[in-house]
C-alpha atoms as a PDB file:
ATOM      1  CA  MET A   1      -3.620 -11.232  26.106  1.00  0.00           C
ATOM      2  CA  GLU A   2      -5.910 -10.332  23.211  1.00  0.00           C
ATOM      3  CA  LYS A   3      -4.254 -10.836  19.830  1.00  0.00           C
ATOM      4  CA  ILE A   4      -3.319  -7.534  18.200  1.00  0.00           C
ATOM      5  CA  LYS A   5      -3.700  -7.380  14.417  1.00  0.00           C
ATOM      6  CA  ILE A   6      -1.392  -5.040  12.504  1.00  0.00           C
ATOM      7  CA  ALA A   7      -1.877  -4.066   8.843  1.00  0.00           C
ATOM      8  CA  LEU A   8       1.362  -3.443   6.929  1.00  0.00           C
ATOM      9  CA  THR A   9       2.145  -2.364   3.392  1.00  0.00           C
ATOM     10  CA  LYS A  10       3.848  -5.073   1.354  1.00  0.00           C
ATOM     11  CA  GLY A  11       7.486  -4.467   0.444  1.00  0.00           C
ATOM     12  CA  ARG A  12      10.100  -2.160   1.946  1.00  0.00           C
ATOM     13  CA  LEU A  13       7.752  -0.498   4.423  1.00  0.00           C
ATOM     14  CA  ALA A  14       6.780  -3.904   5.825  1.00  0.00           C
ATOM     15  CA  GLU A  15      10.461  -4.820   6.207  1.00  0.00           C
ATOM     16  CA  LYS A  16      11.184  -1.593   8.120  1.00  0.00           C
ATOM     17  CA  SER A  17       8.104  -2.185  10.286  1.00  0.00           C
ATOM     18  CA  ILE A  18       9.097  -5.764  11.113  1.00  0.00           C
ATOM     19  CA  GLN A  19      12.580  -4.518  12.043  1.00  0.00           C
ATOM     20  CA  LEU A  20      10.966  -2.005  14.394  1.00  0.00           C
ATOM     21  CA  PHE A  21       8.997  -4.761  16.142  1.00  0.00           C
ATOM     22  CA  GLU A  22      12.111  -6.932  16.372  1.00  0.00           C
ATOM     23  CA  THR A  23      13.868  -4.057  18.160  1.00  0.00           C
ATOM     24  CA  MET A  24      11.066  -4.347  20.714  1.00  0.00           C
ATOM     25  CA  GLY A  25      11.539  -8.110  21.039  1.00  0.00           C
ATOM     26  CA  ILE A  26       8.537  -9.073  18.902  1.00  0.00           C
ATOM     27  CA  ARG A  27       9.652 -11.513  16.229  1.00  0.00           C
ATOM     28  CA  PHE A  28       7.863 -12.571  13.059  1.00  0.00           C
ATOM     29  CA  SER A  29      10.101 -15.425  11.842  1.00  0.00           C
ATOM     30  CA  ALA A  30       7.521 -16.511   9.252  1.00  0.00           C
ATOM     31  CA  PHE A  31       7.919 -13.123   7.529  1.00  0.00           C
ATOM     32  CA  TYR A  32      11.310 -14.234   6.226  1.00  0.00           C
ATOM     33  CA  GLU A  33      10.088 -17.544   4.825  1.00  0.00           C
ATOM     34  CA  ASP A  34       9.700 -17.962   1.061  1.00  0.00           C
ATOM     35  CA  SER A  35       5.928 -17.833   1.213  1.00  0.00           C
ATOM     36  CA  ARG A  36       2.968 -15.984  -0.249  1.00  0.00           C
ATOM     37  CA  LYS A  37       1.091 -15.936   3.060  1.00  0.00           C
ATOM     38  CA  LEU A  38      -0.672 -12.653   3.743  1.00  0.00           C
ATOM     39  CA  ILE A  39      -1.359 -13.266   7.453  1.00  0.00           C
ATOM     40  CA  ILE A  40       1.747 -13.792   9.560  1.00  0.00           C
ATOM     41  CA  PRO A  41       1.644 -14.595  13.292  1.00  0.00           C
ATOM     42  CA  SER A  42       4.324 -13.427  15.689  1.00  0.00           C
ATOM     43  CA  ASP A  43       6.492 -16.098  17.287  1.00  0.00           C
ATOM     44  CA  CYS A  44       4.795 -15.403  20.632  1.00  0.00           C
ATOM     45  CA  GLU A  45       1.358 -15.594  18.923  1.00  0.00           C
ATOM     46  CA  ASN A  46       0.174 -12.369  20.612  1.00  0.00           C
ATOM     47  CA  PHE A  47       0.406 -10.386  17.377  1.00  0.00           C
ATOM     48  CA  GLU A  48      -0.578 -10.924  13.768  1.00  0.00           C
ATOM     49  CA  VAL A  49       0.605  -9.028  10.706  1.00  0.00           C
ATOM     50  CA  ILE A  50      -1.732  -8.596   7.734  1.00  0.00           C
ATOM     51  CA  LEU A  51       0.065  -7.725   4.478  1.00  0.00           C
ATOM     52  CA  VAL A  52      -1.975  -5.457   2.182  1.00  0.00           C
ATOM     53  CA  LYS A  53      -1.500  -2.855  -0.551  1.00  0.00           C
ATOM     54  CA  ALA A  54      -0.489   0.630   0.574  1.00  0.00           C
ATOM     55  CA  LEU A  55      -3.828   2.360  -0.017  1.00  0.00           C
ATOM     56  CA  ASP A  56      -5.674  -0.478   1.757  1.00  0.00           C
ATOM     57  CA  VAL A  57      -3.887  -0.203   5.120  1.00  0.00           C
ATOM     58  CA  THR A  58      -6.176   2.538   6.416  1.00  0.00           C
ATOM     59  CA  THR A  59      -9.263   0.718   5.088  1.00  0.00           C
ATOM     60  CA  TYR A  60      -8.408  -2.364   7.157  1.00  0.00           C
ATOM     61  CA  VAL A  61      -7.692  -0.252  10.243  1.00  0.00           C
ATOM     62  CA  GLU A  62     -10.670   2.071   9.895  1.00  0.00           C
ATOM     63  CA  ASN A  63     -13.081  -0.854   9.531  1.00  0.00           C
ATOM     64  CA  GLY A  64     -11.635  -2.852  12.420  1.00  0.00           C
ATOM     65  CA  ALA A  65     -10.063  -5.700  10.429  1.00  0.00           C
ATOM     66  CA  ALA A  66      -6.780  -4.534  11.988  1.00  0.00           C
ATOM     67  CA  ASP A  67      -6.214  -2.844  15.341  1.00  0.00           C
ATOM     68  CA  LEU A  68      -3.091  -1.011  14.216  1.00  0.00           C
ATOM     69  CA  GLY A  69      -1.475  -0.190  10.918  1.00  0.00           C
ATOM     70  CA  ILE A  70       1.658   1.388   9.557  1.00  0.00           C
ATOM     71  CA  ALA A  71       0.971   3.596   6.573  1.00  0.00           C
ATOM     72  CA  GLY A  72       2.698   6.395   4.735  1.00  0.00           C
ATOM     73  CA  LYS A  73       1.440   9.918   5.337  1.00  0.00           C
ATOM     74  CA  ASP A  74       0.634   9.948   1.614  1.00  0.00           C
ATOM     75  CA  THR A  75      -1.962   7.224   2.166  1.00  0.00           C
ATOM     76  CA  LEU A  76      -3.463   9.071   5.134  1.00  0.00           C
ATOM     77  CA  LEU A  77      -3.764  12.279   3.112  1.00  0.00           C
ATOM     78  CA  GLU A  78      -5.312  10.537   0.109  1.00  0.00           C
ATOM     79  CA  THR A  79      -7.779   8.306   1.963  1.00  0.00           C
ATOM     80  CA  ASN A  80      -8.634  10.796   4.730  1.00  0.00           C
ATOM     81  CA  ALA A  81      -9.311   7.743   6.887  1.00  0.00           C
ATOM     82  CA  ASP A  82     -11.101   7.993  10.226  1.00  0.00           C
ATOM     83  CA  VAL A  83      -8.273   6.553  12.341  1.00  0.00           C
ATOM     84  CA  PHE A  84      -6.031   7.762  15.146  1.00  0.00           C
ATOM     85  CA  GLU A  85      -2.616   8.856  13.870  1.00  0.00           C
ATOM     86  CA  ILE A  86      -0.393   7.890  16.793  1.00  0.00           C
ATOM     87  CA  VAL A  87       3.258   8.545  15.981  1.00  0.00           C
ATOM     88  CA  ASP A  88       5.597   9.527  13.148  1.00  0.00           C
ATOM     89  CA  LEU A  89       7.937   6.535  12.804  1.00  0.00           C
ATOM     90  CA  GLY A  90      10.610   8.479  10.954  1.00  0.00           C
ATOM     91  CA  PHE A  91      11.255   5.953   8.176  1.00  0.00           C
ATOM     92  CA  GLY A  92       9.913   5.700   4.633  1.00  0.00           C
ATOM     93  CA  LYS A  93      10.792   9.350   4.121  1.00  0.00           C
ATOM     94  CA  CYS A  94       9.981  11.031   0.818  1.00  0.00           C
ATOM     95  CA  ARG A  95       7.824  13.937  -0.309  1.00  0.00           C
ATOM     96  CA  PHE A  96       4.885  14.895  -2.482  1.00  0.00           C
ATOM     97  CA  ALA A  97       5.889  17.151  -5.349  1.00  0.00           C
ATOM     98  CA  VAL A  98       4.532  18.747  -8.477  1.00  0.00           C
ATOM     99  CA  ALA A  99       6.806  17.831 -11.384  1.00  0.00           C
ATOM    100  CA  GLY A 100       6.817  18.594 -15.072  1.00  0.00           C
ATOM    101  CA  PRO A 101       8.965  19.292 -18.118  1.00  0.00           C
ATOM    102  CA  THR A 102      12.040  21.418 -17.461  1.00  0.00           C
ATOM    103  CA  HIS A 103      11.227  25.138 -17.240  1.00  0.00           C
ATOM    104  CA  PHE A 104       7.447  24.544 -17.458  1.00  0.00           C
ATOM    105  CA  ASP A 105       5.684  27.597 -15.991  1.00  0.00           C
ATOM    106  CA  ILE A 106       3.012  26.186 -13.713  1.00  0.00           C
ATOM    107  CA  ASN A 107       1.340  29.590 -13.327  1.00  0.00           C
ATOM    108  CA  GLN A 108       0.764  30.242 -17.041  1.00  0.00           C
ATOM    109  CA  ALA A 109      -1.671  27.406 -17.692  1.00  0.00           C
ATOM    110  CA  VAL A 110      -5.283  28.608 -17.623  1.00  0.00           C
ATOM    111  CA  LYS A 111      -6.491  25.231 -16.400  1.00  0.00           C
ATOM    112  CA  LEU A 112      -3.709  22.889 -15.381  1.00  0.00           C
ATOM    113  CA  SER A 113      -4.036  19.181 -16.165  1.00  0.00           C
ATOM    114  CA  VAL A 114      -2.451  17.009 -13.484  1.00  0.00           C
ATOM    115  CA  ALA A 115      -1.787  13.279 -13.769  1.00  0.00           C
ATOM    116  CA  THR A 116      -1.499  11.497 -10.428  1.00  0.00           C
ATOM    117  CA  LYS A 117      -2.162   8.414  -8.341  1.00  0.00           C
ATOM    118  CA  TYR A 118      -3.361  10.801  -5.630  1.00  0.00           C
ATOM    119  CA  PRO A 119      -6.250  12.915  -7.022  1.00  0.00           C
ATOM    120  CA  LYS A 120      -7.517  14.030  -3.589  1.00  0.00           C
ATOM    121  CA  VAL A 121      -4.094  15.257  -2.497  1.00  0.00           C
ATOM    122  CA  ALA A 122      -3.551  17.051  -5.811  1.00  0.00           C
ATOM    123  CA  SER A 123      -7.009  18.671  -5.822  1.00  0.00           C
ATOM    124  CA  GLN A 124      -6.671  19.869  -2.229  1.00  0.00           C
ATOM    125  CA  TYR A 125      -3.182  21.279  -2.785  1.00  0.00           C
ATOM    126  CA  PHE A 126      -4.141  23.359  -5.809  1.00  0.00           C
ATOM    127  CA  SER A 127      -7.504  24.328  -4.325  1.00  0.00           C
ATOM    128  CA  ASP A 128      -5.666  25.791  -1.328  1.00  0.00           C
ATOM    129  CA  GLN A 129      -3.743  27.920  -3.826  1.00  0.00           C
ATOM    130  CA  GLY A 130      -6.931  29.019  -5.549  1.00  0.00           C
ATOM    131  CA  LYS A 131      -6.021  27.165  -8.753  1.00  0.00           C
ATOM    132  CA  GLN A 132      -8.416  25.163 -10.874  1.00  0.00           C
ATOM    133  CA  ILE A 133      -7.072  21.865 -12.206  1.00  0.00           C
ATOM    134  CA  GLU A 134      -8.170  18.817 -14.129  1.00  0.00           C
ATOM    135  CA  THR A 135      -6.984  15.630 -12.428  1.00  0.00           C
ATOM    136  CA  ILE A 136      -6.215  12.538 -14.452  1.00  0.00           C
ATOM    137  CA  LYS A 137      -6.114   9.413 -12.283  1.00  0.00           C
ATOM    138  CA  LEU A 138      -3.395   6.956 -13.216  1.00  0.00           C
ATOM    139  CA  ASN A 139      -2.288   3.730 -11.563  1.00  0.00           C
ATOM    140  CA  GLY A 140       1.003   3.187 -13.394  1.00  0.00           C
ATOM    141  CA  SER A 141       4.046   5.333 -14.153  1.00  0.00           C
ATOM    142  CA  VAL A 142       2.710   8.872 -13.950  1.00  0.00           C
ATOM    143  CA  GLU A 143       6.008  10.274 -15.310  1.00  0.00           C
ATOM    144  CA  LEU A 144       4.878   9.195 -18.771  1.00  0.00           C
ATOM    145  CA  ALA A 145       1.819  11.483 -18.818  1.00  0.00           C
ATOM    146  CA  PRO A 146       3.480  14.848 -19.605  1.00  0.00           C
ATOM    147  CA  LEU A 147       5.870  13.180 -22.047  1.00  0.00           C
ATOM    148  CA  VAL A 148       3.016  12.021 -24.307  1.00  0.00           C
ATOM    149  CA  GLY A 149       0.781  15.069 -23.830  1.00  0.00           C
ATOM    150  CA  LEU A 150      -1.721  13.450 -21.469  1.00  0.00           C
ATOM    151  CA  SER A 151      -1.121  16.095 -18.790  1.00  0.00           C
ATOM    152  CA  ASP A 152       0.808  19.303 -18.166  1.00  0.00           C
ATOM    153  CA  VAL A 153       2.349  18.117 -14.910  1.00  0.00           C
ATOM    154  CA  ILE A 154       2.222  15.294 -12.375  1.00  0.00           C
ATOM    155  CA  VAL A 155       1.761  15.058  -8.627  1.00  0.00           C
ATOM    156  CA  ASP A 156       3.679  12.133  -7.217  1.00  0.00           C
ATOM    157  CA  ILE A 157       5.898  10.866  -4.429  1.00  0.00           C
ATOM    158  CA  VAL A 158       9.556  11.714  -4.916  1.00  0.00           C
ATOM    159  CA  GLU A 159      12.379  10.014  -3.040  1.00  0.00           C
ATOM    160  CA  THR A 160      15.632  10.617  -4.932  1.00  0.00           C
ATOM    161  CA  GLY A 161      14.307  12.365  -8.058  1.00  0.00           C
ATOM    162  CA  ARG A 162      16.236   9.991 -10.314  1.00  0.00           C
ATOM    163  CA  THR A 163      13.170   8.768 -12.231  1.00  0.00           C
ATOM    164  CA  LEU A 164      12.123  12.355 -12.933  1.00  0.00           C
ATOM    165  CA  ASP A 165      15.610  13.298 -14.111  1.00  0.00           C
ATOM    166  CA  GLU A 166      15.932  10.291 -16.419  1.00  0.00           C
ATOM    167  CA  ASN A 167      12.621  11.199 -18.057  1.00  0.00           C
ATOM    168  CA  GLY A 168      13.376  14.882 -18.585  1.00  0.00           C
ATOM    169  CA  LEU A 169      11.186  16.109 -15.729  1.00  0.00           C
ATOM    170  CA  GLU A 170      11.984  18.281 -12.739  1.00  0.00           C
ATOM    171  CA  ILE A 171      10.360  19.231  -9.453  1.00  0.00           C
ATOM    172  CA  LEU A 172       8.375  22.423  -9.903  1.00  0.00           C
ATOM    173  CA  GLU A 173       6.975  22.670  -6.368  1.00  0.00           C
ATOM    174  CA  ASN A 174       7.508  20.677  -3.162  1.00  0.00           C
ATOM    175  CA  MET A 175       4.192  19.926  -1.437  1.00  0.00           C
ATOM    176  CA  HIS A 176       4.335  17.742   1.704  1.00  0.00           C
ATOM    177  CA  ASP A 177       6.996  15.768   3.545  1.00  0.00           C
ATOM    178  CA  ILE A 178       6.012  12.133   4.001  1.00  0.00           C
ATOM    179  CA  SER A 179       7.018   9.351   6.374  1.00  0.00           C
ATOM    180  CA  ALA A 180       5.491   6.209   7.879  1.00  0.00           C
ATOM    181  CA  ARG A 181       2.924   6.644  10.658  1.00  0.00           C
ATOM    182  CA  LEU A 182       1.516   4.266  13.246  1.00  0.00           C
ATOM    183  CA  VAL A 183      -2.290   4.445  13.160  1.00  0.00           C
ATOM    184  CA  ALA A 184      -4.972   2.825  15.300  1.00  0.00           C
ATOM    185  CA  ASN A 185      -8.578   1.774  14.926  1.00  0.00           C
ATOM    186  CA  LYS A 186     -10.656   4.086  17.119  1.00  0.00           C
ATOM    187  CA  ALA A 187     -12.783   1.323  18.642  1.00  0.00           C
ATOM    188  CA  SER A 188      -9.768  -0.934  19.296  1.00  0.00           C
ATOM    189  CA  PHE A 189      -8.005   1.980  20.963  1.00  0.00           C
ATOM    190  CA  LYS A 190     -10.722   1.866  23.623  1.00  0.00           C
ATOM    191  CA  THR A 191     -11.661  -1.812  23.838  1.00  0.00           C
ATOM    192  CA  LYS A 192      -8.088  -3.158  23.630  1.00  0.00           C
ATOM    193  CA  ASN A 193      -6.414  -0.286  25.430  1.00  0.00           C
ATOM    194  CA  GLN A 194      -4.701  -2.485  28.012  1.00  0.00           C
ATOM    195  CA  ALA A 195      -3.032  -4.486  25.245  1.00  0.00           C
ATOM    196  CA  LEU A 196      -2.347  -1.610  22.858  1.00  0.00           C
ATOM    197  CA  LYS A 197      -1.082   1.050  25.256  1.00  0.00           C
ATOM    198  CA  PRO A 198       2.165  -0.735  26.310  1.00  0.00           C
ATOM    199  CA  LEU A 199       2.960  -1.538  22.674  1.00  0.00           C
ATOM    200  CA  ILE A 200       2.338   2.032  21.536  1.00  0.00           C
ATOM    201  CA  GLU A 201       4.412   3.469  24.392  1.00  0.00           C
ATOM    202  CA  GLU A 202       7.296   1.154  23.534  1.00  0.00           C
ATOM    203  CA  VAL A 203       7.114   2.188  19.875  1.00  0.00           C
ATOM    204  CA  LYS A 204       7.298   5.832  20.943  1.00  0.00           C
ATOM    205  CA  GLU A 205      10.317   5.096  23.158  1.00  0.00           C
ATOM    206  CA  VAL A 206      12.191   3.284  20.364  1.00  0.00           C
ATOM    207  CA  ILE A 207      11.507   6.118  17.908  1.00  0.00           C
ATOM    208  CA  ALA A 208      12.562   8.737  20.460  1.00  0.00           C
ATOM    209  CA  VAL A 209      15.888   6.932  20.943  1.00  0.00           C
ATOM    210  CA  ARG A 210      16.411   6.630  17.177  1.00  0.00           C
ATOM    211  CA  GLN A 211      15.755  10.321  16.662  1.00  0.00           C
ATOM    212  CA  GLY A 212      18.137  11.219  19.483  1.00  0.00           C
END
């Protein structure tokens, strides 16, 4: 069997992904070791996990460094990667939202300034509404931007809303629901089809059972 390489986001999404594979009988014991290794083989040696940053998952998959990947829908929307989106895995749920100071009127600003880690998503969302915005790309805590006058509002991922609330911000508009997706390299999908198809079908079956 050809080795299948799978790109995963470091952290909680990787943990959920590994748990999914374990449900299917594919174990990655080395994942639980106290190690900084970024390439982790499965116990059966037929699979290999590559741990990367969230926005890099689709880059690895699109360019063939990984056959499969598990990425948030937020990453897919922002990178617009040329990959096959196979299945919604149902975990890692959150949403994109526009947030700002309490009672801020988003429609009164002549040209809205928006701080975000996701400039493409923000630009597309407001463009679809016919609104002109100035995007300010940030890599850190975007919640700070409206508090210090850097932007009017932010576009960010919201899970519980606690961080917004503790910083005097509120959701002004909900944009997109987000969850983890299994994606595939287009060339691998053809050349490794015999190896990938059973795995993908089993993933779909497990998710179908989980979702009832």
